[in-house]
C-alpha atoms as a PDB file:
ATOM      1  CA  MET A   1     -17.032 -13.874  15.723  1.00  0.00           C
ATOM      2  CA  SER A   2     -18.408 -14.103  12.178  1.00  0.00           C
ATOM      3  CA  LYS A   3     -15.917 -14.241   9.331  1.00  0.00           C
ATOM      4  CA  THR A   4     -17.754 -11.343   7.689  1.00  0.00           C
ATOM      5  CA  PHE A   5     -16.686  -8.822  10.309  1.00  0.00           C
ATOM      6  CA  CYS A   6     -15.302  -5.439   9.257  1.00  0.00           C
ATOM      7  CA  GLY A   7     -11.544  -5.322   8.743  1.00  0.00           C
ATOM      8  CA  TYR A   8     -11.304  -2.083  10.732  1.00  0.00           C
ATOM      9  CA  CYS A   9     -13.893  -1.924  13.525  1.00  0.00           C
ATOM     10  CA  LYS A  10     -14.831  -5.648  13.612  1.00  0.00           C
ATOM     11  CA  ALA A  11     -18.565  -4.890  13.361  1.00  0.00           C
ATOM     12  CA  GLU A  12     -20.743  -7.477  11.604  1.00  0.00           C
ATOM     13  CA  ASP A  13     -23.256  -5.012  10.130  1.00  0.00           C
ATOM     14  CA  SER A  14     -22.390  -4.498   6.456  1.00  0.00           C
ATOM     15  CA  LYS A  15     -23.686  -4.406   2.889  1.00  0.00           C
ATOM     16  CA  VAL A  16     -22.290  -6.610   0.097  1.00  0.00           C
ATOM     17  CA  LEU A  17     -21.161  -4.506  -2.875  1.00  0.00           C
ATOM     18  CA  TYR A  18     -19.579  -6.842  -5.449  1.00  0.00           C
ATOM     19  CA  PRO A  19     -17.617 -10.102  -5.783  1.00  0.00           C
ATOM     20  CA  THR A  20     -13.899 -10.552  -6.410  1.00  0.00           C
ATOM     21  CA  ILE A  21     -11.445 -13.441  -6.879  1.00  0.00           C
ATOM     22  CA  ASP A  22      -7.816 -13.505  -5.745  1.00  0.00           C
ATOM     23  CA  ILE A  23      -4.819 -14.844  -7.701  1.00  0.00           C
ATOM     24  CA  PHE A  24      -5.308 -18.258  -6.094  1.00  0.00           C
ATOM     25  CA  GLY A  25      -8.939 -18.606  -7.199  1.00  0.00           C
ATOM     26  CA  ASN A  26     -10.504 -17.878  -3.796  1.00  0.00           C
ATOM     27  CA  HIS A  27     -13.847 -16.057  -3.881  1.00  0.00           C
ATOM     28  CA  PHE A  28     -14.622 -13.007  -1.733  1.00  0.00           C
ATOM     29  CA  THR A  29     -16.963 -10.039  -1.692  1.00  0.00           C
ATOM     30  CA  VAL A  30     -16.244  -6.398  -0.997  1.00  0.00           C
ATOM     31  CA  ASN A  31     -18.549  -5.157   1.769  1.00  0.00           C
ATOM     32  CA  HIS A  32     -19.308  -1.703   3.145  1.00  0.00           C
ATOM     33  CA  CYS A  33     -19.437  -1.408   6.937  1.00  0.00           C
ATOM     34  CA  ASN A  34     -22.536   0.391   8.190  1.00  0.00           C
ATOM     35  CA  LYS A  35     -20.792   1.315  11.461  1.00  0.00           C
ATOM     36  CA  CYS A  36     -17.384   2.840  10.543  1.00  0.00           C
ATOM     37  CA  GLN A  37     -17.910   3.238   6.769  1.00  0.00           C
ATOM     38  CA  ALA A  38     -14.879   1.112   5.913  1.00  0.00           C
ATOM     39  CA  TYR A  39     -14.918  -1.193   2.904  1.00  0.00           C
ATOM     40  CA  PHE A  40     -13.591  -4.663   3.595  1.00  0.00           C
ATOM     41  CA  LEU A  41     -12.924  -8.100   2.176  1.00  0.00           C
ATOM     42  CA  ALA A  42     -15.372 -10.806   3.215  1.00  0.00           C
ATOM     43  CA  PRO A  43     -15.136 -13.436   4.455  1.00  0.00           C
ATOM     44  CA  ARG A  44     -12.011 -12.587   6.395  1.00  0.00           C
ATOM     45  CA  PRO A  45      -9.086 -14.464   4.748  1.00  0.00           C
ATOM     46  CA  THR A  46      -7.890 -17.417   6.788  1.00  0.00           C
ATOM     47  CA  ASP A  47      -4.386 -17.626   8.214  1.00  0.00           C
ATOM     48  CA  LYS A  48      -3.616 -20.243   5.565  1.00  0.00           C
ATOM     49  CA  GLN A  49      -4.797 -17.962   2.750  1.00  0.00           C
ATOM     50  CA  LEU A  50      -2.734 -15.050   4.080  1.00  0.00           C
ATOM     51  CA  ALA A  51       0.362 -17.226   4.457  1.00  0.00           C
ATOM     52  CA  GLN A  52      -0.050 -18.308   0.841  1.00  0.00           C
ATOM     53  CA  ALA A  53      -0.527 -14.704  -0.280  1.00  0.00           C
ATOM     54  CA  TYR A  54       2.668 -13.564   1.457  1.00  0.00           C
ATOM     55  CA  ASP A  55       4.916 -16.390   0.273  1.00  0.00           C
ATOM     56  CA  SER A  56       8.320 -15.721  -1.276  1.00  0.00           C
ATOM     57  CA  SER A  57       6.821 -14.870  -4.684  1.00  0.00           C
ATOM     58  CA  TYR A  58       5.057 -11.830  -3.176  1.00  0.00           C
ATOM     59  CA  TYR A  59       8.350 -10.247  -2.135  1.00  0.00           C
ATOM     60  CA  GLY A  60      10.188 -11.286  -5.310  1.00  0.00           C
ATOM     61  CA  GLU A  61      12.738 -14.072  -5.286  1.00  0.00           C
ATOM     62  CA  LYS A  62      15.650 -12.248  -6.929  1.00  0.00           C
ATOM     63  CA  ASP A  63      17.940  -9.470  -5.680  1.00  0.00           C
ATOM     64  CA  GLU A  64      15.081  -6.976  -6.086  1.00  0.00           C
ATOM     65  CA  LYS A  65      11.305  -7.398  -6.074  1.00  0.00           C
ATOM     66  CA  PHE A  66      10.940  -6.272  -9.700  1.00  0.00           C
ATOM     67  CA  GLU A  67      13.139  -6.448 -12.782  1.00  0.00           C
ATOM     68  CA  GLY A  68      15.833  -3.764 -13.070  1.00  0.00           C
ATOM     69  CA  ARG A  69      14.091  -1.039 -15.091  1.00  0.00           C
ATOM     70  CA  VAL A  70      10.893  -1.276 -13.051  1.00  0.00           C
ATOM     71  CA  GLU A  71      12.813  -1.175  -9.773  1.00  0.00           C
ATOM     72  CA  GLY A  72      14.724   1.890 -11.014  1.00  0.00           C
ATOM     73  CA  PHE A  73      11.421   3.580 -11.857  1.00  0.00           C
ATOM     74  CA  ILE A  74      10.145   2.894  -8.332  1.00  0.00           C
ATOM     75  CA  ASP A  75      13.397   4.199  -6.807  1.00  0.00           C
ATOM     76  CA  TYR A  76      12.757   7.567  -8.462  1.00  0.00           C
ATOM     77  CA  PHE A  77       9.418   7.868  -6.651  1.00  0.00           C
ATOM     78  CA  ARG A  78      10.904   6.680  -3.364  1.00  0.00           C
ATOM     79  CA  ARG A  79      13.326   9.597  -3.540  1.00  0.00           C
ATOM     80  CA  ASN A  80      10.473  11.996  -4.281  1.00  0.00           C
ATOM     81  CA  ARG A  81       8.518  10.737  -1.262  1.00  0.00           C
ATOM     82  CA  ALA A  82      11.589  11.142   0.891  1.00  0.00           C
ATOM     83  CA  LYS A  83      11.997  14.697  -0.356  1.00  0.00           C
ATOM     84  CA  ARG A  84       8.368  15.516   0.478  1.00  0.00           C
ATOM     85  CA  LEU A  85       8.773  14.163   4.006  1.00  0.00           C
ATOM     86  CA  HIS A  86      12.134  15.904   4.474  1.00  0.00           C
ATOM     87  CA  LYS A  87      10.442  19.299   4.063  1.00  0.00           C
ATOM     88  CA  HIS A  88       8.543  18.681   7.321  1.00  0.00           C
ATOM     89  CA  LEU A  89      11.480  17.408   9.405  1.00  0.00           C
ATOM     90  CA  LYS A  90      14.385  18.906  11.285  1.00  0.00           C
ATOM     91  CA  ASN A  91      17.865  17.509  10.953  1.00  0.00           C
ATOM     92  CA  GLY A  92      18.362  14.567  13.306  1.00  0.00           C
ATOM     93  CA  ALA A  93      14.654  13.642  13.354  1.00  0.00           C
ATOM     94  CA  LYS A  94      13.716  10.109  14.414  1.00  0.00           C
ATOM     95  CA  VAL A  95      11.710   8.396  11.665  1.00  0.00           C
ATOM     96  CA  LEU A  96       9.874   5.070  11.621  1.00  0.00           C
ATOM     97  CA  ASP A  97       8.733   3.448   8.370  1.00  0.00           C
ATOM     98  CA  ILE A  98       6.150   0.725   9.060  1.00  0.00           C
ATOM     99  CA  GLY A  99       6.278  -1.880   6.314  1.00  0.00           C
ATOM    100  CA  CYS A 100       9.605  -0.502   5.137  1.00  0.00           C
ATOM    101  CA  GLY A 101      10.035  -3.100   2.393  1.00  0.00           C
ATOM    102  CA  ASN A 102      13.597  -3.149   1.075  1.00  0.00           C
ATOM    103  CA  GLY A 103      14.470  -0.031   3.082  1.00  0.00           C
ATOM    104  CA  LYS A 104      15.204   2.143   0.077  1.00  0.00           C
ATOM    105  CA  PHE A 105      12.743   4.866   1.069  1.00  0.00           C
ATOM    106  CA  LEU A 106      14.479   5.286   4.416  1.00  0.00           C
ATOM    107  CA  LYS A 107      17.858   5.177   2.709  1.00  0.00           C
ATOM    108  CA  SER A 108      16.666   7.937   0.345  1.00  0.00           C
ATOM    109  CA  LEU A 109      16.055  10.228   3.325  1.00  0.00           C
ATOM    110  CA  THR A 110      19.821  10.351   3.874  1.00  0.00           C
ATOM    111  CA  LEU A 111      20.110  12.228   0.564  1.00  0.00           C
ATOM    112  CA  PHE A 112      18.411  15.224   2.187  1.00  0.00           C
ATOM    113  CA  GLY A 113      19.596  15.244   5.793  1.00  0.00           C
ATOM    114  CA  LYS A 114      20.805  13.269   8.772  1.00  0.00           C
ATOM    115  CA  TYR A 115      18.071  11.210  10.402  1.00  0.00           C
ATOM    116  CA  GLU A 116      17.669   8.338  12.856  1.00  0.00           C
ATOM    117  CA  LEU A 117      16.122   5.632  10.693  1.00  0.00           C
ATOM    118  CA  ASN A 118      13.877   2.862  12.019  1.00  0.00           C
ATOM    119  CA  GLY A 119      12.072   0.260   9.950  1.00  0.00           C
ATOM    120  CA  ILE A 120       9.577  -2.529  10.573  1.00  0.00           C
ATOM    121  CA  GLU A 121       9.044  -5.255   7.991  1.00  0.00           C
ATOM    122  CA  MET A 122       7.540  -8.726   8.036  1.00  0.00           C
ATOM    123  CA  GLU A 123       9.896 -11.674   7.648  1.00  0.00           C
ATOM    124  CA  GLY A 124      10.797 -12.368   4.023  1.00  0.00           C
ATOM    125  CA  ASN A 125      12.991 -11.271   1.163  1.00  0.00           C
ATOM    126  CA  SER A 126      12.113  -7.575   1.552  1.00  0.00           C
ATOM    127  CA  ALA A 127      13.253  -7.634   5.176  1.00  0.00           C
ATOM    128  CA  ASN A 128      16.430  -9.418   4.100  1.00  0.00           C
ATOM    129  CA  ARG A 129      17.155  -6.584   1.655  1.00  0.00           C
ATOM    130  CA  ALA A 130      16.449  -3.892   4.270  1.00  0.00           C
ATOM    131  CA  ALA A 131      18.752  -5.626   6.751  1.00  0.00           C
ATOM    132  CA  LYS A 132      21.682  -4.920   4.431  1.00  0.00           C
ATOM    133  CA  ILE A 133      21.270  -1.135   4.856  1.00  0.00           C
ATOM    134  CA  LYS A 134      23.437  -0.301   7.844  1.00  0.00           C
ATOM    135  CA  GLU A 135      21.748   3.046   8.540  1.00  0.00           C
ATOM    136  CA  ILE A 136      18.421   1.363   9.401  1.00  0.00           C
ATOM    137  CA  LYS A 137      17.543  -0.048  12.807  1.00  0.00           C
ATOM    138  CA  LEU A 138      15.279  -2.854  11.612  1.00  0.00           C
ATOM    139  CA  LYS A 139      12.646  -4.837  13.454  1.00  0.00           C
ATOM    140  CA  ILE A 140      11.339  -7.944  11.705  1.00  0.00           C
ATOM    141  CA  GLY A 141       7.684  -8.416  12.585  1.00  0.00           C
ATOM    142  CA  SER A 142       4.897  -5.940  13.321  1.00  0.00           C
ATOM    143  CA  LEU A 143       4.496  -2.793  15.417  1.00  0.00           C
ATOM    144  CA  LYS A 144       3.837  -3.528  19.102  1.00  0.00           C
ATOM    145  CA  PRO A 145       2.824  -1.112  21.913  1.00  0.00           C
ATOM    146  CA  ASP A 146       6.195  -1.321  23.683  1.00  0.00           C
ATOM    147  CA  ASP A 147       8.456  -0.932  20.628  1.00  0.00           C
ATOM    148  CA  PHE A 148       8.914   2.833  21.122  1.00  0.00           C
ATOM    149  CA  GLN A 149       8.535   5.194  24.041  1.00  0.00           C
ATOM    150  CA  ALA A 150       5.644   7.663  24.145  1.00  0.00           C
ATOM    151  CA  GLU A 151       6.202  10.789  22.031  1.00  0.00           C
ATOM    152  CA  SER A 152       9.629   9.603  20.897  1.00  0.00           C
ATOM    153  CA  LEU A 153       9.207   9.777  17.099  1.00  0.00           C
ATOM    154  CA  ASP A 154       9.244  12.820  14.831  1.00  0.00           C
ATOM    155  CA  ALA A 155       7.637  10.976  11.911  1.00  0.00           C
ATOM    156  CA  VAL A 156       5.917   7.698  11.100  1.00  0.00           C
ATOM    157  CA  THR A 157       5.320   6.577   7.526  1.00  0.00           C
ATOM    158  CA  LEU A 158       3.138   3.825   6.037  1.00  0.00           C
ATOM    159  CA  PHE A 159       3.189   3.503   2.251  1.00  0.00           C
ATOM    160  CA  HIS A 160       0.577   1.021   1.014  1.00  0.00           C
ATOM    161  CA  VAL A 161       0.728  -0.799   4.336  1.00  0.00           C
ATOM    162  CA  PHE A 162      -2.326   0.353   6.289  1.00  0.00           C
ATOM    163  CA  GLU A 163      -4.789  -1.689   4.197  1.00  0.00           C
ATOM    164  CA  HIS A 164      -2.775  -4.870   4.963  1.00  0.00           C
ATOM    165  CA  LEU A 165      -3.007  -4.573   8.738  1.00  0.00           C
ATOM    166  CA  THR A 166      -4.959  -7.167  10.696  1.00  0.00           C
ATOM    167  CA  GLU A 167      -5.360  -4.735  13.639  1.00  0.00           C
ATOM    168  CA  PRO A 168      -5.475  -1.265  12.033  1.00  0.00           C
ATOM    169  CA  MET A 169      -7.241   0.499  14.896  1.00  0.00           C
ATOM    170  CA  GLU A 170      -4.654  -0.747  17.373  1.00  0.00           C
ATOM    171  CA  THR A 171      -1.874   0.400  15.039  1.00  0.00           C
ATOM    172  CA  LEU A 172      -3.312   3.923  14.846  1.00  0.00           C
ATOM    173  CA  GLU A 173      -3.593   3.998  18.627  1.00  0.00           C
ATOM    174  CA  ILE A 174       0.082   3.047  18.966  1.00  0.00           C
ATOM    175  CA  ILE A 175       1.137   5.610  16.358  1.00  0.00           C
ATOM    176  CA  THR A 176      -0.819   8.322  18.157  1.00  0.00           C
ATOM    177  CA  LYS A 177       1.031   7.467  21.364  1.00  0.00           C
ATOM    178  CA  ILE A 178       4.590   7.303  19.975  1.00  0.00           C
ATOM    179  CA  VAL A 179       4.504  10.374  17.697  1.00  0.00           C
ATOM    180  CA  LYS A 180       5.572  13.668  19.288  1.00  0.00           C
ATOM    181  CA  LYS A 181       3.327  16.708  19.408  1.00  0.00           C
ATOM    182  CA  ASP A 182       3.686  18.418  15.997  1.00  0.00           C
ATOM    183  CA  GLY A 183       5.083  15.131  14.677  1.00  0.00           C
ATOM    184  CA  ILE A 184       4.273  13.869  11.185  1.00  0.00           C
ATOM    185  CA  VAL A 185       2.361  10.859   9.889  1.00  0.00           C
ATOM    186  CA  MET A 186       2.752  10.312   6.138  1.00  0.00           C
ATOM    187  CA  MET A 187       0.835   7.510   4.476  1.00  0.00           C
ATOM    188  CA  SER A 188      -0.679   6.286   1.243  1.00  0.00           C
ATOM    189  CA  PHE A 189      -3.265   3.662   0.345  1.00  0.00           C
ATOM    190  CA  PRO A 190      -5.690   2.698  -2.460  1.00  0.00           C
ATOM    191  CA  ASN A 191      -8.616   5.048  -2.966  1.00  0.00           C
ATOM    192  CA  ILE A 192     -11.761   2.910  -2.869  1.00  0.00           C
ATOM    193  CA  ASP A 193     -13.692   6.034  -3.956  1.00  0.00           C
ATOM    194  CA  SER A 194     -11.584   6.436  -7.112  1.00  0.00           C
ATOM    195  CA  PHE A 195     -12.757   6.315 -10.707  1.00  0.00           C
ATOM    196  CA  GLN A 196     -10.683   3.149 -11.179  1.00  0.00           C
ATOM    197  CA  SER A 197     -12.316   1.379  -8.252  1.00  0.00           C
ATOM    198  CA  ARG A 198     -15.788   2.244  -9.492  1.00  0.00           C
ATOM    199  CA  MET A 199     -14.950   1.223 -13.069  1.00  0.00           C
ATOM    200  CA  PHE A 200     -13.250  -2.126 -12.455  1.00  0.00           C
ATOM    201  CA  LYS A 201     -14.816  -3.210  -9.138  1.00  0.00           C
ATOM    202  CA  GLY A 202     -13.624  -6.765  -8.387  1.00  0.00           C
ATOM    203  CA  LYS A 203     -11.052  -6.668 -11.210  1.00  0.00           C
ATOM    204  CA  TRP A 204      -9.337  -3.544  -9.852  1.00  0.00           C
ATOM    205  CA  LEU A 205      -5.589  -4.080  -9.354  1.00  0.00           C
ATOM    206  CA  HIS A 206      -5.429  -2.154  -6.074  1.00  0.00           C
ATOM    207  CA  LEU A 207      -8.123  -4.326  -4.516  1.00  0.00           C
ATOM    208  CA  ASP A 208      -5.382  -6.982  -4.263  1.00  0.00           C
ATOM    209  CA  PRO A 209      -7.323  -9.738  -2.487  1.00  0.00           C
ATOM    210  CA  PRO A 210      -6.646 -11.402  -0.074  1.00  0.00           C
ATOM    211  CA  ARG A 211      -3.860  -9.100   1.142  1.00  0.00           C
ATOM    212  CA  HIS A 212      -5.872  -5.864   1.291  1.00  0.00           C
ATOM    213  CA  LEU A 213      -8.281  -6.392   4.148  1.00  0.00           C
ATOM    214  CA  PHE A 214     -10.061  -3.023   4.302  1.00  0.00           C
ATOM    215  CA  PHE A 215     -10.255   0.439   2.707  1.00  0.00           C
ATOM    216  CA  PHE A 216     -11.453   3.935   3.600  1.00  0.00           C
ATOM    217  CA  SER A 217     -12.591   6.696   1.307  1.00  0.00           C
ATOM    218  CA  PRO A 218     -10.224   9.688   1.653  1.00  0.00           C
ATOM    219  CA  ASN A 219     -12.876  11.874   3.283  1.00  0.00           C
ATOM    220  CA  ASP A 220     -13.811   9.223   5.852  1.00  0.00           C
ATOM    221  CA  PHE A 221     -10.150   8.632   6.647  1.00  0.00           C
ATOM    222  CA  LYS A 222      -9.473  12.337   7.208  1.00  0.00           C
ATOM    223  CA  ASP A 223     -12.375  12.391   9.682  1.00  0.00           C
ATOM    224  CA  LEU A 224     -10.925   9.302  11.385  1.00  0.00           C
ATOM    225  CA  MET A 225      -7.483  10.904  11.782  1.00  0.00           C
ATOM    226  CA  GLU A 226      -9.112  14.028  13.203  1.00  0.00           C
ATOM    227  CA  VAL A 227     -10.573  11.844  15.956  1.00  0.00           C
ATOM    228  CA  PHE A 228      -7.063  10.509  16.670  1.00  0.00           C
ATOM    229  CA  GLY A 229      -5.798  14.079  17.038  1.00  0.00           C
ATOM    230  CA  PHE A 230      -4.167  14.724  13.664  1.00  0.00           C
ATOM    231  CA  GLU A 231      -4.673  17.646  11.300  1.00  0.00           C
ATOM    232  CA  LEU A 232      -4.268  17.300   7.530  1.00  0.00           C
ATOM    233  CA  ILE A 233      -1.311  19.115   5.959  1.00  0.00           C
ATOM    234  CA  THR A 234      -1.323  17.799   2.391  1.00  0.00           C
ATOM    235  CA  GLU A 235      -3.450  15.463   0.273  1.00  0.00           C
ATOM    236  CA  LYS A 236      -2.080  14.161  -3.031  1.00  0.00           C
ATOM    237  CA  HIS A 237      -4.037  12.244  -5.665  1.00  0.00           C
ATOM    238  CA  TRP A 238      -1.800  12.487  -8.741  1.00  0.00           C
ATOM    239  CA  LEU A 239       0.575   9.616  -8.007  1.00  0.00           C
ATOM    240  CA  THR A 240       2.281   8.408 -11.148  1.00  0.00           C
ATOM    241  CA  GLU A 241       4.103   5.624  -9.326  1.00  0.00           C
ATOM    242  CA  GLN A 242       0.870   3.696  -8.701  1.00  0.00           C
ATOM    243  CA  ASN A 243      -2.123   5.071 -10.564  1.00  0.00           C
ATOM    244  CA  PRO A 244      -1.383   4.698 -14.304  1.00  0.00           C
ATOM    245  CA  TYR A 245      -0.276   1.106 -13.845  1.00  0.00           C
ATOM    246  CA  GLY A 246      -3.535   0.510 -11.995  1.00  0.00           C
ATOM    247  CA  MET A 247      -5.343   1.331 -15.240  1.00  0.00           C
ATOM    248  CA  VAL A 248      -2.987  -0.886 -17.258  1.00  0.00           C
ATOM    249  CA  GLN A 249      -3.343  -3.974 -15.082  1.00  0.00           C
ATOM    250  CA  SER A 250      -7.026  -3.537 -14.251  1.00  0.00           C
ATOM    251  CA  SER A 251      -7.947  -3.295 -17.927  1.00  0.00           C
ATOM    252  CA  LEU A 252      -5.835  -6.381 -18.669  1.00  0.00           C
ATOM    253  CA  ASN A 253      -7.660  -8.176 -15.852  1.00  0.00           C
ATOM    254  CA  LEU A 254     -10.864  -7.787 -17.860  1.00  0.00           C
ATOM    255  CA  ILE A 255      -9.515  -9.984 -20.677  1.00  0.00           C
ATOM    256  CA  THR A 256      -7.134 -12.439 -18.967  1.00  0.00           C
ATOM    257  CA  LYS A 257      -8.371 -15.544 -17.201  1.00  0.00           C
ATOM    258  CA  LYS A 258      -6.158 -14.820 -14.184  1.00  0.00           C
ATOM    259  CA  ARG A 259      -5.761 -11.425 -12.553  1.00  0.00           C
ATOM    260  CA  GLU A 260      -2.427  -9.553 -12.327  1.00  0.00           C
ATOM    261  CA  VAL A 261      -0.652 -11.677 -14.953  1.00  0.00           C
ATOM    262  CA  LEU A 262       1.642  -8.881 -16.168  1.00  0.00           C
ATOM    263  CA  TYR A 263       2.333  -7.690 -12.609  1.00  0.00           C
ATOM    264  CA  GLU A 264       3.439 -11.181 -11.570  1.00  0.00           C
ATOM    265  CA  ALA A 265       5.525 -11.493 -14.731  1.00  0.00           C
ATOM    266  CA  LEU A 266       7.341  -8.254 -13.858  1.00  0.00           C
ATOM    267  CA  LYS A 267       8.210  -9.819 -10.480  1.00  0.00           C
ATOM    268  CA  GLY A 268       9.586 -12.907 -12.196  1.00  0.00           C
ATOM    269  CA  ASN A 269       6.834 -15.175 -10.856  1.00  0.00           C
ATOM    270  CA  THR A 270       7.193 -17.811 -13.577  1.00  0.00           C
ATOM    271  CA  ASP A 271       4.969 -20.334 -11.797  1.00  0.00           C
ATOM    272  CA  TYR A 272       1.999 -17.976 -11.844  1.00  0.00           C
ATOM    273  CA  VAL A 273       2.293 -17.016 -15.522  1.00  0.00           C
ATOM    274  CA  GLN A 274       2.526 -20.608 -16.752  1.00  0.00           C
ATOM    275  CA  GLY A 275      -0.097 -21.061 -19.436  1.00  0.00           C
ATOM    276  CA  TYR A 276       0.621 -17.638 -20.921  1.00  0.00           C
ATOM    277  CA  SER A 277       2.997 -17.738 -23.879  1.00  0.00           C
ATOM    278  CA  LYS A 278       6.004 -15.484 -24.280  1.00  0.00           C
ATOM    279  CA  ALA A 279       4.080 -13.744 -27.061  1.00  0.00           C
ATOM    280  CA  SER A 280       1.146 -13.083 -24.734  1.00  0.00           C
ATOM    281  CA  ILE A 281       3.389 -11.607 -22.043  1.00  0.00           C
ATOM    282  CA  MET A 282       5.190  -9.511 -24.665  1.00  0.00           C
ATOM    283  CA  LEU A 283       1.878  -8.140 -25.968  1.00  0.00           C
ATOM    284  CA  GLN A 284       0.894  -7.207 -22.427  1.00  0.00           C
ATOM    285  CA  ARG A 285       4.250  -5.465 -21.963  1.00  0.00           C
ATOM    286  CA  LEU A 286       3.755  -3.537 -25.202  1.00  0.00           C
ATOM    287  CA  TYR A 287       0.285  -2.516 -24.067  1.00  0.00           C
ATOM    288  CA  PHE A 288       1.833  -1.309 -20.800  1.00  0.00           C
ATOM    289  CA  ILE A 289       4.445   0.778 -22.625  1.00  0.00           C
ATOM    290  CA  GLY A 290       2.040   2.139 -25.221  1.00  0.00           C
ATOM    291  CA  SER A 291      -0.835   3.016 -22.900  1.00  0.00           C
ATOM    292  CA  PHE A 292       1.162   4.408 -19.986  1.00  0.00           C
ATOM    293  CA  PRO A 293       1.381   8.015 -21.290  1.00  0.00           C
ATOM    294  CA  LEU A 294      -2.386   8.052 -21.892  1.00  0.00           C
ATOM    295  CA  PHE A 295      -3.064   6.775 -18.394  1.00  0.00           C
ATOM    296  CA  ILE A 296      -0.750   9.388 -16.878  1.00  0.00           C
ATOM    297  CA  PHE A 297      -3.037  11.970 -18.482  1.00  0.00           C
ATOM    298  CA  THR A 298      -6.251  10.261 -17.320  1.00  0.00           C
ATOM    299  CA  ASP A 299      -4.802  10.059 -13.809  1.00  0.00           C
ATOM    300  CA  TRP A 300      -4.071  13.787 -13.902  1.00  0.00           C
ATOM    301  CA  VAL A 301      -7.728  14.372 -14.819  1.00  0.00           C
ATOM    302  CA  ALA A 302      -8.926  12.054 -12.043  1.00  0.00           C
ATOM    303  CA  SER A 303      -6.710  13.868  -9.546  1.00  0.00           C
ATOM    304  CA  TRP A 304      -8.536  17.136 -10.235  1.00  0.00           C
ATOM    305  CA  PHE A 305     -11.690  15.476  -8.895  1.00  0.00           C
ATOM    306  CA  LYS A 306      -9.769  13.811  -6.034  1.00  0.00           C
ATOM    307  CA  LYS A 307     -10.567  10.445  -7.589  1.00  0.00           C
ATOM    308  CA  GLY A 308      -7.057   9.139  -8.214  1.00  0.00           C
ATOM    309  CA  ALA A 309      -6.553   5.408  -7.737  1.00  0.00           C
ATOM    310  CA  THR A 310      -4.348   5.952  -4.695  1.00  0.00           C
ATOM    311  CA  VAL A 311      -4.022   8.810  -2.243  1.00  0.00           C
ATOM    312  CA  GLU A 312      -1.186  10.155  -0.118  1.00  0.00           C
ATOM    313  CA  PHE A 313      -1.682  12.134   3.107  1.00  0.00           C
ATOM    314  CA  ILE A 314       0.620  14.057   5.420  1.00  0.00           C
ATOM    315  CA  PHE A 315      -0.841  14.717   8.875  1.00  0.00           C
ATOM    316  CA  ARG A 316       0.529  16.635  11.870  1.00  0.00           C
ATOM    317  CA  LYS A 317      -0.247  15.648  15.452  1.00  0.00           C
ATOM    318  CA  LYS A 318      -2.016  18.483  17.250  1.00  0.00           C
END
């Protein structure tokens, strides 16, 4: 099979849109599939490139992925997501978070009710952090067809995970099987149809090559989930956790030689930011702090047009 096959449907019929470069200097293009309408990274990253992209620096090498204040900021939004999901669940519901990271989202659910918590996370420091949360039944690896019985789960969540999957169609098929009738699927991913994506193209933060293998526009994805037997409950575009920083980092990517310099600095990736002085990193931090309120406002405007940089859906199985 050609290396330019679609990341979702595996078709080889596509149109090249624009080039991009990952943090390791590898060159790719973003293509649009003429069969399923997905956008995908081409050529398909090799196993070696993906292993490099998911090394220990990706998950953060300290106690948390990000420095303390940033991690606290993210925790606030994890709790809000948990609260939004809680509104659709009954006490005692069985929940699976695919790509559960450090497990804090699942842990946050216990603030609102009693649930059976299941998590799946790839091997690495995030999985090590999740393993310390005793309430979570954790699987290290990926979702497989025999992991859960048919119609055994009340909710499945995937937060910025779907675009990473090497077999996304198979994953949706498994989810459809294991979620109960009237069960919930809650997920978020980058909006390739957003104003940010159109503005920054290959420099867009949320493109995140080579880890993000494919994208769907929100409208195309809603049609896809309808085919799998899910109806849309809510659609959210104003997501302050992700979108304003997308503007910060993407605009910095226009002027820095490497992409995602500030983002990697916030993770403590000192190897990557070598060559950038302390003064340069400090100026980027000050730009982040100073511009963030403005970009919250611009994200609010974009959300009115359903063009926010990321999108969150809640679906119910019919």
